[in-house]
C-alpha atoms as a PDB file:
ATOM      1  CA  MET A   1       6.125 -21.703  22.259  1.00  0.00           C
ATOM      2  CA  ALA A   2       2.499 -22.121  23.359  1.00  0.00           C
ATOM      3  CA  GLU A   3       0.291 -24.417  21.347  1.00  0.00           C
ATOM      4  CA  GLN A   4      -2.351 -22.544  19.343  1.00  0.00           C
ATOM      5  CA  LYS A   5      -5.944 -23.061  20.456  1.00  0.00           C
ATOM      6  CA  MET A   6      -8.199 -24.712  17.900  1.00  0.00           C
ATOM      7  CA  LEU A   7     -11.944 -24.850  17.302  1.00  0.00           C
ATOM      8  CA  LYS A   8     -13.835 -27.896  16.077  1.00  0.00           C
ATOM      9  CA  VAL A   9     -16.519 -26.674  13.648  1.00  0.00           C
ATOM     10  CA  THR A  10     -19.244 -29.051  12.401  1.00  0.00           C
ATOM     11  CA  LEU A  11     -21.809 -28.235   9.720  1.00  0.00           C
ATOM     12  CA  VAL A  12     -25.139 -29.360  11.240  1.00  0.00           C
ATOM     13  CA  LYS A  13     -27.668 -27.618   8.982  1.00  0.00           C
ATOM     14  CA  SER A  14     -27.844 -27.615   5.200  1.00  0.00           C
ATOM     15  CA  THR A  15     -26.965 -24.485   3.230  1.00  0.00           C
ATOM     16  CA  ILE A  16     -29.848 -25.116   0.814  1.00  0.00           C
ATOM     17  CA  GLY A  17     -31.972 -21.993   0.941  1.00  0.00           C
ATOM     18  CA  ALA A  18     -29.348 -20.068   2.916  1.00  0.00           C
ATOM     19  CA  VAL A  19     -28.255 -16.537   2.065  1.00  0.00           C
ATOM     20  CA  PRO A  20     -25.612 -16.729  -0.713  1.00  0.00           C
ATOM     21  CA  LYS A  21     -23.073 -14.899   1.482  1.00  0.00           C
ATOM     22  CA  HIS A  22     -23.540 -17.536   4.189  1.00  0.00           C
ATOM     23  CA  LYS A  23     -23.110 -20.350   1.646  1.00  0.00           C
ATOM     24  CA  ALA A  24     -19.845 -18.744   0.531  1.00  0.00           C
ATOM     25  CA  THR A  25     -18.650 -18.453   4.138  1.00  0.00           C
ATOM     26  CA  VAL A  26     -19.368 -22.141   4.823  1.00  0.00           C
ATOM     27  CA  GLU A  27     -17.548 -23.134   1.629  1.00  0.00           C
ATOM     28  CA  SER A  28     -14.552 -20.909   2.374  1.00  0.00           C
ATOM     29  CA  MET A  29     -14.171 -22.467   5.825  1.00  0.00           C
ATOM     30  CA  GLY A  30     -13.741 -25.852   4.147  1.00  0.00           C
ATOM     31  CA  LEU A  31     -17.103 -27.361   5.099  1.00  0.00           C
ATOM     32  CA  ARG A  32     -18.359 -29.259   2.065  1.00  0.00           C
ATOM     33  CA  LYS A  33     -20.834 -31.834   3.429  1.00  0.00           C
ATOM     34  CA  LEU A  34     -23.321 -32.044   6.269  1.00  0.00           C
ATOM     35  CA  ASN A  35     -21.965 -33.369   9.603  1.00  0.00           C
ATOM     36  CA  LYS A  36     -18.338 -32.932   8.525  1.00  0.00           C
ATOM     37  CA  THR A  37     -15.966 -31.478  11.106  1.00  0.00           C
ATOM     38  CA  ILE A  38     -12.901 -29.308  10.571  1.00  0.00           C
ATOM     39  CA  LEU A  39     -10.276 -27.848  12.906  1.00  0.00           C
ATOM     40  CA  LEU A  40      -9.682 -24.122  12.612  1.00  0.00           C
ATOM     41  CA  PRO A  41      -7.436 -21.781  14.612  1.00  0.00           C
ATOM     42  CA  ASP A  42      -9.191 -19.825  17.364  1.00  0.00           C
ATOM     43  CA  ASN A  43      -8.639 -16.259  16.160  1.00  0.00           C
ATOM     44  CA  ALA A  44     -10.718 -13.161  15.426  1.00  0.00           C
ATOM     45  CA  ALA A  45     -11.195 -13.988  11.733  1.00  0.00           C
ATOM     46  CA  THR A  46     -12.485 -17.500  12.431  1.00  0.00           C
ATOM     47  CA  ARG A  47     -14.727 -16.224  15.247  1.00  0.00           C
ATOM     48  CA  GLY A  48     -16.206 -13.653  12.850  1.00  0.00           C
ATOM     49  CA  GLN A  49     -16.999 -16.308  10.250  1.00  0.00           C
ATOM     50  CA  ILE A  50     -18.580 -18.538  12.894  1.00  0.00           C
ATOM     51  CA  GLN A  51     -20.666 -15.618  14.192  1.00  0.00           C
ATOM     52  CA  GLN A  52     -22.069 -15.071  10.699  1.00  0.00           C
ATOM     53  CA  ILE A  53     -23.142 -18.716  10.229  1.00  0.00           C
ATOM     54  CA  ARG A  54     -23.786 -19.667  13.879  1.00  0.00           C
ATOM     55  CA  HIS A  55     -27.243 -21.041  12.970  1.00  0.00           C
ATOM     56  CA  LEU A  56     -25.654 -23.604  10.589  1.00  0.00           C
ATOM     57  CA  VAL A  57     -22.744 -24.901  12.662  1.00  0.00           C
ATOM     58  CA  LYS A  58     -21.838 -26.428  16.009  1.00  0.00           C
ATOM     59  CA  VAL A  59     -18.590 -25.231  17.599  1.00  0.00           C
ATOM     60  CA  GLU A  60     -16.472 -26.937  20.261  1.00  0.00           C
ATOM     61  CA  GLU A  61     -13.038 -26.176  21.667  1.00  0.00           C
ATOM     62  CA  ALA A  62     -10.457 -28.731  20.575  1.00  0.00           C
END
């Protein structure tokens, strides 16, 4: 079975002053602190979340 592709997502900008919906998206992705990185599966749902908060995060392929 093929290994699932992953995305490395890093919170690079604070959510202070951000739209409440964007804050909730960041929190739901598991990003709690600035400059913390998480691995998420590369799928349509994750891509949609990243698209919404693209100004707050940095994304790399893992």
